[in-house]
């Protein structure tokens, strides 16, 4: 995704490799902690 570097540097989005494993890791990190998920959304 073109602005992936900017999204990643913002600390408000997660940049992944285009593989099921990498996507699964990101989903687990975002969905596994509800308070972190909400805070990440507001920061984004």
ModelCIF file with pLDDT and N, C-alpha, C, O atoms, coordinates in Angstrom:
data_MODEL
#
_entry.id   MODEL 
#
_entity.id                         1 
_entity.type                       polymer 
_entity.pdbx_number_of_molecules   1 
#
_entity_poly.entity_id                      1 
_entity_poly.type                           'polypeptide(L)' 
_entity_poly.nstd_linkage                   no 
_entity_poly.nstd_monomer                   no 
_entity_poly.pdbx_seq_one_letter_code       
;(UNK)(UNK)(UNK)(UNK)(UNK)(UNK)(UNK)(UNK)(UNK)(UNK)(UNK)(UNK)(UNK)(UNK)(UNK)(UNK)
(UNK)(UNK)(UNK)(UNK)(UNK)(UNK)(UNK)(UNK)(UNK)(UNK)(UNK)(UNK)(UNK)(UNK)(UNK)(UNK)
(UNK)(UNK)(UNK)(UNK)(UNK)(UNK)(UNK)(UNK)(UNK)(UNK)(UNK)(UNK)
;
_entity_poly.pdbx_seq_one_letter_code_can   XXXXXXXXXXXXXXXXXXXXXXXXXXXXXXXXXXXXXXXXXXXX 
_entity_poly.pdbx_strand_id                 A 
#
loop_
_entity_poly_seq.entity_id 
_entity_poly_seq.num 
_entity_poly_seq.mon_id 
_entity_poly_seq.hetero 
1 1  UNK n 
1 2  UNK n 
1 3  UNK n 
1 4  UNK n 
1 5  UNK n 
1 6  UNK n 
1 7  UNK n 
1 8  UNK n 
1 9  UNK n 
1 10 UNK n 
1 11 UNK n 
1 12 UNK n 
1 13 UNK n 
1 14 UNK n 
1 15 UNK n 
1 16 UNK n 
1 17 UNK n 
1 18 UNK n 
1 19 UNK n 
1 20 UNK n 
1 21 UNK n 
1 22 UNK n 
1 23 UNK n 
1 24 UNK n 
1 25 UNK n 
1 26 UNK n 
1 27 UNK n 
1 28 UNK n 
1 29 UNK n 
1 30 UNK n 
1 31 UNK n 
1 32 UNK n 
1 33 UNK n 
1 34 UNK n 
1 35 UNK n 
1 36 UNK n 
1 37 UNK n 
1 38 UNK n 
1 39 UNK n 
1 40 UNK n 
1 41 UNK n 
1 42 UNK n 
1 43 UNK n 
1 44 UNK n 
#
_struct_asym.id          A 
_struct_asym.entity_id   1 
#
loop_
_ma_qa_metric.id 
_ma_qa_metric.mode 
_ma_qa_metric.name 
_ma_qa_metric.software_group_id 
_ma_qa_metric.type 
1 global pLDDT . pLDDT 
2 local  pLDDT . pLDDT 
#
_ma_qa_metric_global.metric_id      1 
_ma_qa_metric_global.metric_value   93.84 
_ma_qa_metric_global.model_id       1 
_ma_qa_metric_global.ordinal_id     1 
#
loop_
_ma_qa_metric_local.label_asym_id 
_ma_qa_metric_local.label_comp_id 
_ma_qa_metric_local.label_seq_id 
_ma_qa_metric_local.metric_id 
_ma_qa_metric_local.metric_value 
_ma_qa_metric_local.model_id 
_ma_qa_metric_local.ordinal_id 
A UNK 1  2 92.00 1 1  
A UNK 2  2 87.00 1 2  
A UNK 3  2 91.00 1 3  
A UNK 4  2 93.00 1 4  
A UNK 5  2 90.00 1 5  
A UNK 6  2 91.00 1 6  
A UNK 7  2 93.00 1 7  
A UNK 8  2 91.00 1 8  
A UNK 9  2 90.00 1 9  
A UNK 10 2 90.00 1 10 
A UNK 11 2 87.00 1 11 
A UNK 12 2 88.00 1 12 
A UNK 13 2 94.00 1 13 
A UNK 14 2 96.00 1 14 
A UNK 15 2 97.00 1 15 
A UNK 16 2 97.00 1 16 
A UNK 17 2 97.00 1 17 
A UNK 18 2 96.00 1 18 
A UNK 19 2 97.00 1 19 
A UNK 20 2 98.00 1 20 
A UNK 21 2 98.00 1 21 
A UNK 22 2 98.00 1 22 
A UNK 23 2 98.00 1 23 
A UNK 24 2 98.00 1 24 
A UNK 25 2 98.00 1 25 
A UNK 26 2 97.00 1 26 
A UNK 27 2 98.00 1 27 
A UNK 28 2 97.00 1 28 
A UNK 29 2 96.00 1 29 
A UNK 30 2 96.00 1 30 
A UNK 31 2 96.00 1 31 
A UNK 32 2 94.00 1 32 
A UNK 33 2 92.00 1 33 
A UNK 34 2 92.00 1 34 
A UNK 35 2 91.00 1 35 
A UNK 36 2 92.00 1 36 
A UNK 37 2 93.00 1 37 
A UNK 38 2 92.00 1 38 
A UNK 39 2 92.00 1 39 
A UNK 40 2 93.00 1 40 
A UNK 41 2 93.00 1 41 
A UNK 42 2 93.00 1 42 
A UNK 43 2 94.00 1 43 
A UNK 44 2 93.00 1 44 
#
loop_
_atom_site.group_PDB 
_atom_site.id 
_atom_site.type_symbol 
_atom_site.label_atom_id 
_atom_site.label_alt_id 
_atom_site.label_comp_id 
_atom_site.label_asym_id 
_atom_site.label_entity_id 
_atom_site.label_seq_id 
_atom_site.pdbx_PDB_ins_code 
_atom_site.Cartn_x 
_atom_site.Cartn_y 
_atom_site.Cartn_z 
_atom_site.occupancy 
_atom_site.B_iso_or_equiv 
_atom_site.pdbx_formal_charge 
_atom_site.auth_seq_id 
_atom_site.auth_comp_id 
_atom_site.auth_asym_id 
_atom_site.auth_atom_id 
_atom_site.pdbx_PDB_model_num 
ATOM 1   N N  . UNK A 1 1  ? 0.863  -1.183  0.000  1.00 92.00 ? 1  UNK A N  1 
ATOM 2   C CA . UNK A 1 1  ? 0.000  0.000   0.000  1.00 92.00 ? 1  UNK A CA 1 
ATOM 3   C C  . UNK A 1 1  ? 0.896  1.229   0.000  1.00 92.00 ? 1  UNK A C  1 
ATOM 4   O O  . UNK A 1 1  ? 1.782  1.348   0.846  1.00 92.00 ? 1  UNK A O  1 
ATOM 5   N N  . UNK A 1 2  ? 0.676  2.145   -0.941 1.00 87.00 ? 2  UNK A N  1 
ATOM 6   C CA . UNK A 1 2  ? 1.599  3.263   -1.160 1.00 87.00 ? 2  UNK A CA 1 
ATOM 7   C C  . UNK A 1 2  ? 2.076  3.975   0.099  1.00 87.00 ? 2  UNK A C  1 
ATOM 8   O O  . UNK A 1 2  ? 3.285  4.076   0.310  1.00 87.00 ? 2  UNK A O  1 
ATOM 9   N N  . UNK A 1 3  ? 1.173  4.474   0.948  1.00 91.00 ? 3  UNK A N  1 
ATOM 10  C CA . UNK A 1 3  ? 1.619  5.205   2.144  1.00 91.00 ? 3  UNK A CA 1 
ATOM 11  C C  . UNK A 1 3  ? 1.902  4.301   3.337  1.00 91.00 ? 3  UNK A C  1 
ATOM 12  O O  . UNK A 1 3  ? 1.807  4.757   4.476  1.00 91.00 ? 3  UNK A O  1 
ATOM 13  N N  . UNK A 1 4  ? 2.248  3.033   3.112  1.00 93.00 ? 4  UNK A N  1 
ATOM 14  C CA . UNK A 1 4  ? 2.482  2.110   4.222  1.00 93.00 ? 4  UNK A CA 1 
ATOM 15  C C  . UNK A 1 4  ? 3.545  2.651   5.178  1.00 93.00 ? 4  UNK A C  1 
ATOM 16  O O  . UNK A 1 4  ? 3.414  2.513   6.395  1.00 93.00 ? 4  UNK A O  1 
ATOM 17  N N  . UNK A 1 5  ? 4.594  3.265   4.633  1.00 90.00 ? 5  UNK A N  1 
ATOM 18  C CA . UNK A 1 5  ? 5.650  3.803   5.500  1.00 90.00 ? 5  UNK A CA 1 
ATOM 19  C C  . UNK A 1 5  ? 5.097  4.868   6.431  1.00 90.00 ? 5  UNK A C  1 
ATOM 20  O O  . UNK A 1 5  ? 5.416  4.895   7.619  1.00 90.00 ? 5  UNK A O  1 
ATOM 21  N N  . UNK A 1 6  ? 4.261  5.747   5.881  1.00 91.00 ? 6  UNK A N  1 
ATOM 22  C CA . UNK A 1 6  ? 3.676  6.804   6.692  1.00 91.00 ? 6  UNK A CA 1 
ATOM 23  C C  . UNK A 1 6  ? 2.707  6.232   7.727  1.00 91.00 ? 6  UNK A C  1 
ATOM 24  O O  . UNK A 1 6  ? 2.674  6.682   8.873  1.00 91.00 ? 6  UNK A O  1 
ATOM 25  N N  . UNK A 1 7  ? 1.918  5.236   7.313  1.00 93.00 ? 7  UNK A N  1 
ATOM 26  C CA . UNK A 1 7  ? 0.964  4.615   8.233  1.00 93.00 ? 7  UNK A CA 1 
ATOM 27  C C  . UNK A 1 7  ? 1.702  3.927   9.369  1.00 93.00 ? 7  UNK A C  1 
ATOM 28  O O  . UNK A 1 7  ? 1.316  4.055   10.531 1.00 93.00 ? 7  UNK A O  1 
ATOM 29  N N  . UNK A 1 8  ? 2.766  3.195   9.037  1.00 91.00 ? 8  UNK A N  1 
ATOM 30  C CA . UNK A 1 8  ? 3.535  2.517   10.067 1.00 91.00 ? 8  UNK A CA 1 
ATOM 31  C C  . UNK A 1 8  ? 4.218  3.482   11.016 1.00 91.00 ? 8  UNK A C  1 
ATOM 32  O O  . UNK A 1 8  ? 4.224  3.265   12.228 1.00 91.00 ? 8  UNK A O  1 
ATOM 33  N N  . UNK A 1 9  ? 4.800  4.560   10.467 1.00 90.00 ? 9  UNK A N  1 
ATOM 34  C CA . UNK A 1 9  ? 5.512  5.535   11.297 1.00 90.00 ? 9  UNK A CA 1 
ATOM 35  C C  . UNK A 1 9  ? 4.566  6.278   12.234 1.00 90.00 ? 9  UNK A C  1 
ATOM 36  O O  . UNK A 1 9  ? 4.987  6.776   13.277 1.00 90.00 ? 9  UNK A O  1 
ATOM 37  N N  . UNK A 1 10 ? 3.286  6.354   11.864 1.00 90.00 ? 10 UNK A N  1 
ATOM 38  C CA . UNK A 1 10 ? 2.324  7.071   12.706 1.00 90.00 ? 10 UNK A CA 1 
ATOM 39  C C  . UNK A 1 10 ? 2.071  6.354   14.022 1.00 90.00 ? 10 UNK A C  1 
ATOM 40  O O  . UNK A 1 10 ? 1.627  6.971   14.990 1.00 90.00 ? 10 UNK A O  1 
ATOM 41  N N  . UNK A 1 11 ? 2.351  5.051   14.067 1.00 87.00 ? 11 UNK A N  1 
ATOM 42  C CA . UNK A 1 11 ? 2.046  4.265   15.257 1.00 87.00 ? 11 UNK A CA 1 
ATOM 43  C C  . UNK A 1 11 ? 0.568  3.979   15.409 1.00 87.00 ? 11 UNK A C  1 
ATOM 44  O O  . UNK A 1 11 ? 0.134  3.434   16.424 1.00 87.00 ? 11 UNK A O  1 
ATOM 45  N N  . UNK A 1 12 ? -0.213 4.350   14.387 1.00 88.00 ? 12 UNK A N  1 
ATOM 46  C CA . UNK A 1 12 ? -1.665 4.204   14.466 1.00 88.00 ? 12 UNK A CA 1 
ATOM 47  C C  . UNK A 1 12 ? -2.187 3.103   13.554 1.00 88.00 ? 12 UNK A C  1 
ATOM 48  O O  . UNK A 1 12 ? -3.387 2.828   13.544 1.00 88.00 ? 12 UNK A O  1 
ATOM 49  N N  . UNK A 1 13 ? -1.312 2.476   12.795 1.00 94.00 ? 13 UNK A N  1 
ATOM 50  C CA . UNK A 1 13 ? -1.714 1.391   11.907 1.00 94.00 ? 13 UNK A CA 1 
ATOM 51  C C  . UNK A 1 13 ? -0.660 0.306   11.944 1.00 94.00 ? 13 UNK A C  1 
ATOM 52  O O  . UNK A 1 13 ? 0.455  0.530   12.416 1.00 94.00 ? 13 UNK A O  1 
ATOM 53  N N  . UNK A 1 14 ? -1.006 -0.864  11.451 1.00 96.00 ? 14 UNK A N  1 
ATOM 54  C CA . UNK A 1 14 ? -0.084 -2.000  11.437 1.00 96.00 ? 14 UNK A CA 1 
ATOM 55  C C  . UNK A 1 14 ? 0.227  -2.340  9.983  1.00 96.00 ? 14 UNK A C  1 
ATOM 56  O O  . UNK A 1 14 ? -0.682 -2.496  9.168  1.00 96.00 ? 14 UNK A O  1 
ATOM 57  N N  . UNK A 1 15 ? 1.510  -2.452  9.663  1.00 97.00 ? 15 UNK A N  1 
ATOM 58  C CA . UNK A 1 15 ? 1.949  -2.791  8.308  1.00 97.00 ? 15 UNK A CA 1 
ATOM 59  C C  . UNK A 1 15 ? 2.436  -4.236  8.329  1.00 97.00 ? 15 UNK A C  1 
ATOM 60  O O  . UNK A 1 15 ? 3.249  -4.611  9.173  1.00 97.00 ? 15 UNK A O  1 
ATOM 61  N N  . UNK A 1 16 ? 1.932  -5.049  7.389  1.00 97.00 ? 16 UNK A N  1 
ATOM 62  C CA . UNK A 1 16 ? 2.212  -6.483  7.415  1.00 97.00 ? 16 UNK A CA 1 
ATOM 63  C C  . UNK A 1 16 ? 2.755  -6.961  6.081  1.00 97.00 ? 16 UNK A C  1 
ATOM 64  O O  . UNK A 1 16 ? 2.619  -6.292  5.056  1.00 97.00 ? 16 UNK A O  1 
ATOM 65  N N  . UNK A 1 17 ? 3.371  -8.129  6.117  1.00 97.00 ? 17 UNK A N  1 
ATOM 66  C CA . UNK A 1 17 ? 3.674  -8.832  4.886  1.00 97.00 ? 17 UNK A CA 1 
ATOM 67  C C  . UNK A 1 17 ? 2.373  -9.391  4.321  1.00 97.00 ? 17 UNK A C  1 
ATOM 68  O O  . UNK A 1 17 ? 1.400  -9.588  5.049  1.00 97.00 ? 17 UNK A O  1 
ATOM 69  N N  . UNK A 1 18 ? 2.372  -9.636  3.047  1.00 96.00 ? 18 UNK A N  1 
ATOM 70  C CA . UNK A 1 18 ? 1.148  -10.093 2.388  1.00 96.00 ? 18 UNK A CA 1 
ATOM 71  C C  . UNK A 1 18 ? 1.043  -11.616 2.460  1.00 96.00 ? 18 UNK A C  1 
ATOM 72  O O  . UNK A 1 18 ? 1.023  -12.307 1.441  1.00 96.00 ? 18 UNK A O  1 
ATOM 73  N N  . UNK A 1 19 ? 0.977  -12.118 3.701  1.00 97.00 ? 19 UNK A N  1 
ATOM 74  C CA . UNK A 1 19 ? 0.874  -13.560 3.938  1.00 97.00 ? 19 UNK A CA 1 
ATOM 75  C C  . UNK A 1 19 ? -0.179 -13.802 5.008  1.00 97.00 ? 19 UNK A C  1 
ATOM 76  O O  . UNK A 1 19 ? -0.403 -12.937 5.854  1.00 97.00 ? 19 UNK A O  1 
ATOM 77  N N  . UNK A 1 20 ? -0.832 -14.969 4.988  1.00 98.00 ? 20 UNK A N  1 
ATOM 78  C CA . UNK A 1 20 ? -1.817 -15.264 6.030  1.00 98.00 ? 20 UNK A CA 1 
ATOM 79  C C  . UNK A 1 20 ? -1.233 -15.205 7.436  1.00 98.00 ? 20 UNK A C  1 
ATOM 80  O O  . UNK A 1 20 ? -1.883 -14.718 8.360  1.00 98.00 ? 20 UNK A O  1 
ATOM 81  N N  . UNK A 1 21 ? 0.003  -15.705 7.600  1.00 98.00 ? 21 UNK A N  1 
ATOM 82  C CA . UNK A 1 21 ? 0.607  -15.703 8.930  1.00 98.00 ? 21 UNK A CA 1 
ATOM 83  C C  . UNK A 1 21 ? 0.828  -14.307 9.465  1.00 98.00 ? 21 UNK A C  1 
ATOM 84  O O  . UNK A 1 21 ? 0.536  -14.036 10.630 1.00 98.00 ? 21 UNK A O  1 
ATOM 85  N N  . UNK A 1 22 ? 1.340  -13.416 8.633  1.00 98.00 ? 22 UNK A N  1 
ATOM 86  C CA . UNK A 1 22 ? 1.587  -12.050 9.066  1.00 98.00 ? 22 UNK A CA 1 
ATOM 87  C C  . UNK A 1 22 ? 0.278  -11.332 9.383  1.00 98.00 ? 22 UNK A C  1 
ATOM 88  O O  . UNK A 1 22 ? 0.195  -10.583 10.356 1.00 98.00 ? 22 UNK A O  1 
ATOM 89  N N  . UNK A 1 23 ? -0.745 -11.563 8.557  1.00 98.00 ? 23 UNK A N  1 
ATOM 90  C CA . UNK A 1 23 ? -2.054 -10.955 8.810  1.00 98.00 ? 23 UNK A CA 1 
ATOM 91  C C  . UNK A 1 23 ? -2.650 -11.508 10.098 1.00 98.00 ? 23 UNK A C  1 
ATOM 92  O O  . UNK A 1 23 ? -3.243 -10.763 10.879 1.00 98.00 ? 23 UNK A O  1 
ATOM 93  N N  . UNK A 1 24 ? -2.495 -12.818 10.325 1.00 98.00 ? 24 UNK A N  1 
ATOM 94  C CA . UNK A 1 24 ? -3.009 -13.432 11.559 1.00 98.00 ? 24 UNK A CA 1 
ATOM 95  C C  . UNK A 1 24 ? -2.342 -12.821 12.782 1.00 98.00 ? 24 UNK A C  1 
ATOM 96  O O  . UNK A 1 24 ? -3.014 -12.538 13.774 1.00 98.00 ? 24 UNK A O  1 
ATOM 97  N N  . UNK A 1 25 ? -1.024 -12.613 12.727 1.00 98.00 ? 25 UNK A N  1 
ATOM 98  C CA . UNK A 1 25 ? -0.319 -12.005 13.855 1.00 98.00 ? 25 UNK A CA 1 
ATOM 99  C C  . UNK A 1 25 ? -0.860 -10.609 14.151 1.00 98.00 ? 25 UNK A C  1 
ATOM 100 O O  . UNK A 1 25 ? -1.063 -10.244 15.308 1.00 98.00 ? 25 UNK A O  1 
ATOM 101 N N  . UNK A 1 26 ? -1.093 -9.832  13.088 1.00 97.00 ? 26 UNK A N  1 
ATOM 102 C CA . UNK A 1 26 ? -1.600 -8.469  13.270 1.00 97.00 ? 26 UNK A CA 1 
ATOM 103 C C  . UNK A 1 26 ? -3.020 -8.486  13.839 1.00 97.00 ? 26 UNK A C  1 
ATOM 104 O O  . UNK A 1 26 ? -3.347 -7.708  14.735 1.00 97.00 ? 26 UNK A O  1 
ATOM 105 N N  . UNK A 1 27 ? -3.863 -9.383  13.309 1.00 98.00 ? 27 UNK A N  1 
ATOM 106 C CA . UNK A 1 27 ? -5.224 -9.479  13.837 1.00 98.00 ? 27 UNK A CA 1 
ATOM 107 C C  . UNK A 1 27 ? -5.210 -9.861  15.315 1.00 98.00 ? 27 UNK A C  1 
ATOM 108 O O  . UNK A 1 27 ? -5.968 -9.308  16.113 1.00 98.00 ? 27 UNK A O  1 
ATOM 109 N N  . UNK A 1 28 ? -4.355 -10.797 15.671 1.00 97.00 ? 28 UNK A N  1 
ATOM 110 C CA . UNK A 1 28 ? -4.279 -11.219 17.068 1.00 97.00 ? 28 UNK A CA 1 
ATOM 111 C C  . UNK A 1 28 ? -3.822 -10.075 17.966 1.00 97.00 ? 28 UNK A C  1 
ATOM 112 O O  . UNK A 1 28 ? -4.334 -9.906  19.073 1.00 97.00 ? 28 UNK A O  1 
ATOM 113 N N  . UNK A 1 29 ? -2.849 -9.282  17.484 1.00 96.00 ? 29 UNK A N  1 
ATOM 114 C CA . UNK A 1 29 ? -2.343 -8.175  18.310 1.00 96.00 ? 29 UNK A CA 1 
ATOM 115 C C  . UNK A 1 29 ? -3.384 -7.071  18.486 1.00 96.00 ? 29 UNK A C  1 
ATOM 116 O O  . UNK A 1 29 ? -3.457 -6.440  19.540 1.00 96.00 ? 29 UNK A O  1 
ATOM 117 N N  . UNK A 1 30 ? -4.188 -6.841  17.447 1.00 96.00 ? 30 UNK A N  1 
ATOM 118 C CA . UNK A 1 30 ? -5.194 -5.782  17.516 1.00 96.00 ? 30 UNK A CA 1 
ATOM 119 C C  . UNK A 1 30 ? -6.433 -6.248  18.272 1.00 96.00 ? 30 UNK A C  1 
ATOM 120 O O  . UNK A 1 30 ? -6.943 -5.532  19.134 1.00 96.00 ? 30 UNK A O  1 
ATOM 121 N N  . UNK A 1 31 ? -6.919 -7.448  17.950 1.00 96.00 ? 31 UNK A N  1 
ATOM 122 C CA . UNK A 1 31 ? -8.179 -7.917  18.518 1.00 96.00 ? 31 UNK A CA 1 
ATOM 123 C C  . UNK A 1 31 ? -8.026 -8.550  19.896 1.00 96.00 ? 31 UNK A C  1 
ATOM 124 O O  . UNK A 1 31 ? -9.008 -8.724  20.617 1.00 96.00 ? 31 UNK A O  1 
ATOM 125 N N  . UNK A 1 32 ? -6.800 -8.892  20.257 1.00 94.00 ? 32 UNK A N  1 
ATOM 126 C CA . UNK A 1 32 ? -6.584 -9.601  21.518 1.00 94.00 ? 32 UNK A CA 1 
ATOM 127 C C  . UNK A 1 32 ? -6.583 -8.723  22.749 1.00 94.00 ? 32 UNK A C  1 
ATOM 128 O O  . UNK A 1 32 ? -6.582 -9.239  23.867 1.00 94.00 ? 32 UNK A O  1 
ATOM 129 N N  . UNK A 1 33 ? -6.584 -7.417  22.579 1.00 92.00 ? 33 UNK A N  1 
ATOM 130 C CA . UNK A 1 33 ? -6.567 -6.492  23.724 1.00 92.00 ? 33 UNK A CA 1 
ATOM 131 C C  . UNK A 1 33 ? -7.549 -5.370  23.424 1.00 92.00 ? 33 UNK A C  1 
ATOM 132 O O  . UNK A 1 33 ? -7.250 -4.480  22.628 1.00 92.00 ? 33 UNK A O  1 
ATOM 133 N N  . UNK A 1 34 ? -8.718 -5.406  24.054 1.00 92.00 ? 34 UNK A N  1 
ATOM 134 C CA . UNK A 1 34 ? -9.792 -4.467  23.707 1.00 92.00 ? 34 UNK A CA 1 
ATOM 135 C C  . UNK A 1 34 ? -9.432 -3.014  24.001 1.00 92.00 ? 34 UNK A C  1 
ATOM 136 O O  . UNK A 1 34 ? -9.734 -2.133  23.197 1.00 92.00 ? 34 UNK A O  1 
ATOM 137 N N  . UNK A 1 35 ? -8.800 -2.752  25.129 1.00 91.00 ? 35 UNK A N  1 
ATOM 138 C CA . UNK A 1 35 ? -8.454 -1.366  25.446 1.00 91.00 ? 35 UNK A CA 1 
ATOM 139 C C  . UNK A 1 35 ? -7.399 -0.843  24.469 1.00 91.00 ? 35 UNK A C  1 
ATOM 140 O O  . UNK A 1 35 ? -7.452 0.319   24.067 1.00 91.00 ? 35 UNK A O  1 
ATOM 141 N N  . UNK A 1 36 ? -6.446 -1.687  24.088 1.00 92.00 ? 36 UNK A N  1 
ATOM 142 C CA . UNK A 1 36 ? -5.445 -1.291  23.102 1.00 92.00 ? 36 UNK A CA 1 
ATOM 143 C C  . UNK A 1 36 ? -6.092 -1.044  21.748 1.00 92.00 ? 36 UNK A C  1 
ATOM 144 O O  . UNK A 1 36 ? -5.729 -0.105  21.039 1.00 92.00 ? 36 UNK A O  1 
ATOM 145 N N  . UNK A 1 37 ? -7.054 -1.892  21.394 1.00 93.00 ? 37 UNK A N  1 
ATOM 146 C CA . UNK A 1 37 ? -7.741 -1.734  20.114 1.00 93.00 ? 37 UNK A CA 1 
ATOM 147 C C  . UNK A 1 37 ? -8.449 -0.384  20.035 1.00 93.00 ? 37 UNK A C  1 
ATOM 148 O O  . UNK A 1 37 ? -8.342 0.320   19.031 1.00 93.00 ? 37 UNK A O  1 
ATOM 149 N N  . UNK A 1 38 ? -9.168 -0.028  21.089 1.00 92.00 ? 38 UNK A N  1 
ATOM 150 C CA . UNK A 1 38 ? -9.896 1.238   21.100 1.00 92.00 ? 38 UNK A CA 1 
ATOM 151 C C  . UNK A 1 38 ? -8.944 2.429   21.063 1.00 92.00 ? 38 UNK A C  1 
ATOM 152 O O  . UNK A 1 38 ? -9.192 3.413   20.367 1.00 92.00 ? 38 UNK A O  1 
ATOM 153 N N  . UNK A 1 39 ? -7.851 2.328   21.821 1.00 92.00 ? 39 UNK A N  1 
ATOM 154 C CA . UNK A 1 39 ? -6.872 3.426   21.839 1.00 92.00 ? 39 UNK A CA 1 
ATOM 155 C C  . UNK A 1 39 ? -6.211 3.582   20.477 1.00 92.00 ? 39 UNK A C  1 
ATOM 156 O O  . UNK A 1 39 ? -5.979 4.699   20.015 1.00 92.00 ? 39 UNK A O  1 
ATOM 157 N N  . UNK A 1 40 ? -5.910 2.455   19.836 1.00 93.00 ? 40 UNK A N  1 
ATOM 158 C CA . UNK A 1 40 ? -5.296 2.488   18.511 1.00 93.00 ? 40 UNK A CA 1 
ATOM 159 C C  . UNK A 1 40 ? -6.242 3.140   17.506 1.00 93.00 ? 40 UNK A C  1 
ATOM 160 O O  . UNK A 1 40 ? -5.809 3.907   16.647 1.00 93.00 ? 40 UNK A O  1 
ATOM 161 N N  . UNK A 1 41 ? -7.528 2.834   17.616 1.00 93.00 ? 41 UNK A N  1 
ATOM 162 C CA . UNK A 1 41 ? -8.496 3.433   16.708 1.00 93.00 ? 41 UNK A CA 1 
ATOM 163 C C  . UNK A 1 41 ? -8.564 4.944   16.862 1.00 93.00 ? 41 UNK A C  1 
ATOM 164 O O  . UNK A 1 41 ? -8.617 5.668   15.867 1.00 93.00 ? 41 UNK A O  1 
ATOM 165 N N  . UNK A 1 42 ? -8.564 5.422   18.090 1.00 93.00 ? 42 UNK A N  1 
ATOM 166 C CA . UNK A 1 42 ? -8.634 6.870   18.299 1.00 93.00 ? 42 UNK A CA 1 
ATOM 167 C C  . UNK A 1 42 ? -7.353 7.568   17.844 1.00 93.00 ? 42 UNK A C  1 
ATOM 168 O O  . UNK A 1 42 ? -7.401 8.670   17.297 1.00 93.00 ? 42 UNK A O  1 
ATOM 169 N N  . UNK A 1 43 ? -6.212 6.925   18.070 1.00 94.00 ? 43 UNK A N  1 
ATOM 170 C CA . UNK A 1 43 ? -4.954 7.497   17.601 1.00 94.00 ? 43 UNK A CA 1 
ATOM 171 C C  . UNK A 1 43 ? -4.930 7.547   16.074 1.00 94.00 ? 43 UNK A C  1 
ATOM 172 O O  . UNK A 1 43 ? -4.465 8.520   15.482 1.00 94.00 ? 43 UNK A O  1 
ATOM 173 N N  . UNK A 1 44 ? -5.440 6.482   15.445 1.00 93.00 ? 44 UNK A N  1 
ATOM 174 C CA . UNK A 1 44 ? -5.505 6.456   13.991 1.00 93.00 ? 44 UNK A CA 1 
ATOM 175 C C  . UNK A 1 44 ? -6.396 7.527   13.440 1.00 93.00 ? 44 UNK A C  1 
ATOM 176 O O  . UNK A 1 44 ? -6.553 7.634   12.223 1.00 93.00 ? 44 UNK A O  1 
#
